[in-house]
């Protein structure tokens, strides 16, 4: 990973020639994070539907994680900027729940502060689940990754269901 001013972020690459995966961590304000995604995508001719944006999701409880392609931006200014830079909302999103403070007037302070320890554990657990499916994501098997992320483990046969 290294800082790349032309990409407005820190970048890295994995894979072999002809099958490379690029990573970019924007070093702009969140509301302008599309600058990094767009610059990298344009330079390497990466199509929007080949991009995966990992982001926090206020509308999900802490620890919930969902993968989807396309959709609206739901008031997330970073996603809005990514869509503006890519020219479409048709890109993949890995949404990690952080919960909502309950009052829209305190959202800015909420997302900029550290979560309570119990919520942090749930968020860390969600990130672990994302890492478990990362081989599928890196292979481009988004539907298998989605199925694994969205399917809850079933109780062992013969054990009582936990409510």
Protein backbone atom coordinates (compact mmCIF):
# COMPACT_ATOMS: atom_id res chain seq x y z
CA UNK A 1 0.00 0.00 0.00
CA UNK A 2 1.28 3.43 -0.85
CA UNK A 3 -0.04 6.94 -1.03
CA UNK A 4 -0.92 8.00 -4.58
CA UNK A 5 -1.91 11.67 -4.89
CA UNK A 6 -3.22 11.14 -8.46
CA UNK A 7 -5.73 8.65 -6.98
CA UNK A 8 -6.52 10.81 -3.93
CA UNK A 9 -5.75 7.89 -1.63
CA UNK A 10 -3.66 4.96 -0.56
CA UNK A 11 -3.61 2.18 -3.15
CA UNK A 12 -2.58 -1.42 -3.34
CA UNK A 13 -2.69 -4.25 -5.85
CA UNK A 14 -3.09 -8.00 -5.51
CA UNK A 15 -3.05 -10.83 -8.03
CA UNK A 16 -1.07 -11.69 -11.11
CA UNK A 17 -0.62 -9.89 -14.39
CA UNK A 18 -3.88 -9.90 -16.29
CA UNK A 19 -5.90 -10.68 -13.18
CA UNK A 20 -5.15 -7.81 -10.83
CA UNK A 21 -7.31 -6.40 -8.10
CA UNK A 22 -6.85 -2.81 -7.07
CA UNK A 23 -7.64 -1.37 -3.66
CA UNK A 24 -8.01 2.29 -2.83
CA UNK A 25 -8.58 3.88 0.55
CA UNK A 26 -9.61 7.49 -0.10
CA UNK A 27 -7.67 10.16 1.74
CA UNK A 28 -10.30 12.82 1.08
CA UNK A 29 -13.26 13.81 3.20
CA UNK A 30 -15.88 11.05 3.11
CA UNK A 31 -18.21 13.23 1.04
CA UNK A 32 -15.56 13.36 -1.71
CA UNK A 33 -14.48 9.69 -1.55
CA UNK A 34 -15.71 9.14 -5.11
CA UNK A 35 -12.71 11.12 -6.35
CA UNK A 36 -10.43 8.21 -5.40
CA UNK A 37 -12.71 5.50 -6.77
CA UNK A 38 -13.35 7.39 -10.00
CA UNK A 39 -9.69 8.29 -10.60
CA UNK A 40 -8.55 4.68 -10.13
CA UNK A 41 -11.41 3.27 -12.23
CA UNK A 42 -10.78 5.69 -15.10
CA UNK A 43 -7.00 5.17 -15.09
CA UNK A 44 -7.20 1.35 -15.11
CA UNK A 45 -10.39 1.20 -17.21
CA UNK A 46 -12.33 -0.58 -14.46
CA UNK A 47 -16.08 -0.76 -15.12
CA UNK A 48 -18.48 0.38 -12.39
CA UNK A 49 -19.97 -3.11 -12.05
CA UNK A 50 -16.45 -4.38 -11.28
CA UNK A 51 -16.10 -2.01 -8.30
CA UNK A 52 -16.83 -2.96 -4.70
CA UNK A 53 -17.30 -0.13 -2.21
CA UNK A 54 -17.13 -1.05 1.48
CA UNK A 55 -19.01 1.39 3.71
CA UNK A 56 -20.81 1.94 6.97
CA UNK A 57 -24.60 1.58 6.98
CA UNK A 58 -26.69 3.60 9.43
CA UNK A 59 -29.87 1.72 8.54
CA UNK A 60 -28.45 -1.64 9.72
CA UNK A 61 -27.96 -2.67 13.32
CA UNK A 62 -24.34 -2.91 14.44
CA UNK A 63 -22.88 -6.16 13.15
CA UNK A 64 -25.27 -6.69 10.25
CA UNK A 65 -23.58 -6.99 6.88
CA UNK A 66 -25.10 -7.13 3.39
CA UNK A 67 -23.72 -7.25 -0.12
CA UNK A 68 -25.67 -5.81 -3.02
CA UNK A 69 -25.23 -4.38 -6.48
CA UNK A 70 -26.71 -1.05 -7.39
CA UNK A 71 -29.48 0.80 -5.65
CA UNK A 72 -29.86 4.25 -4.22
CA UNK A 73 -27.43 6.14 -2.04
CA UNK A 74 -29.78 6.46 0.95
CA UNK A 75 -28.50 9.89 1.93
CA UNK A 76 -24.88 8.62 2.13
CA UNK A 77 -22.90 11.47 0.61
CA UNK A 78 -19.84 9.30 0.04
CA UNK A 79 -21.89 6.87 -2.04
CA UNK A 80 -23.46 9.78 -3.89
CA UNK A 81 -19.97 11.01 -4.83
CA UNK A 82 -18.90 7.52 -5.94
CA UNK A 83 -22.01 7.31 -8.16
CA UNK A 84 -21.30 10.78 -9.56
CA UNK A 85 -17.70 9.87 -10.35
CA UNK A 86 -18.55 6.48 -11.88
CA UNK A 87 -21.54 7.89 -13.76
CA UNK A 88 -23.86 5.22 -12.34
CA UNK A 89 -25.16 3.70 -9.12
CA UNK A 90 -24.61 0.22 -10.57
CA UNK A 91 -21.58 -0.83 -8.50
CA UNK A 92 -21.22 -3.39 -5.71
CA UNK A 93 -21.58 -2.31 -2.08
CA UNK A 94 -20.53 -4.17 1.04
CA UNK A 95 -22.60 -2.51 3.74
CA UNK A 96 -21.52 -2.91 7.37
CA UNK A 97 -24.12 -1.92 9.95
CA UNK A 98 -23.24 0.66 12.57
CA UNK A 99 -26.77 1.44 13.79
CA UNK A 100 -28.53 4.78 13.92
CA UNK A 101 -28.44 7.21 16.85
CA UNK A 102 -32.21 7.69 16.61
CA UNK A 103 -32.03 11.41 15.86
CA UNK A 104 -31.06 12.63 12.39
CA UNK A 105 -29.64 15.81 13.92
CA UNK A 106 -26.83 13.91 15.67
CA UNK A 107 -25.84 11.58 12.82
CA UNK A 108 -22.65 13.53 11.94
CA UNK A 109 -21.31 13.32 15.50
CA UNK A 110 -22.43 9.69 15.75
CA UNK A 111 -20.54 8.47 12.68
CA UNK A 112 -17.41 10.38 13.69
CA UNK A 113 -17.27 8.95 17.21
CA UNK A 114 -16.16 5.53 18.42
CA UNK A 115 -18.94 3.03 19.07
CA UNK A 116 -19.54 1.63 22.56
CA UNK A 117 -17.54 -1.56 23.28
CA UNK A 118 -20.51 -3.93 22.79
CA UNK A 119 -21.35 -2.41 19.40
CA UNK A 120 -17.67 -2.40 18.41
CA UNK A 121 -17.56 -6.16 19.03
CA UNK A 122 -20.57 -6.66 16.75
CA UNK A 123 -19.01 -4.48 14.03
CA UNK A 124 -15.71 -6.35 14.34
CA UNK A 125 -17.61 -9.64 14.01
CA UNK A 126 -19.23 -8.36 10.80
CA UNK A 127 -15.82 -7.41 9.44
CA UNK A 128 -14.57 -10.91 10.26
CA UNK A 129 -17.47 -12.40 8.26
CA UNK A 130 -16.51 -10.13 5.36
CA UNK A 131 -12.93 -11.37 5.56
CA UNK A 132 -14.18 -14.97 5.51
CA UNK A 133 -15.90 -14.36 2.17
CA UNK A 134 -13.07 -12.26 0.75
CA UNK A 135 -11.72 -15.14 -1.40
CA UNK A 136 -15.13 -15.27 -3.11
CA UNK A 137 -15.20 -11.48 -3.51
CA UNK A 138 -11.67 -11.42 -4.91
CA UNK A 139 -12.57 -14.19 -7.35
CA UNK A 140 -15.55 -12.13 -8.53
CA UNK A 141 -18.06 -14.69 -7.28
CA UNK A 142 -20.30 -12.04 -5.76
CA UNK A 143 -23.41 -14.20 -5.69
CA UNK A 144 -21.68 -16.96 -3.68
CA UNK A 145 -20.30 -14.30 -1.31
CA UNK A 146 -23.77 -12.80 -0.97
CA UNK A 147 -25.32 -16.17 -0.22
CA UNK A 148 -22.72 -16.93 2.45
CA UNK A 149 -23.01 -13.49 4.06
CA UNK A 150 -26.80 -13.42 4.03
CA UNK A 151 -27.43 -17.01 5.17
CA UNK A 152 -27.51 -17.56 8.90
CA UNK A 153 -26.07 -20.76 10.29
CA UNK A 154 -28.73 -23.34 10.97
CA UNK A 155 -28.84 -25.07 14.37
CA UNK A 156 -27.21 -28.48 14.50
CA UNK A 157 -29.57 -31.34 13.85
CA UNK A 158 -31.22 -32.54 17.06
CA UNK A 159 -30.42 -29.35 18.97
CA UNK A 160 -33.24 -27.06 20.05
CA UNK A 161 -33.71 -23.81 18.17
CA UNK A 162 -32.49 -20.83 20.13
CA UNK A 163 -34.98 -17.99 20.19
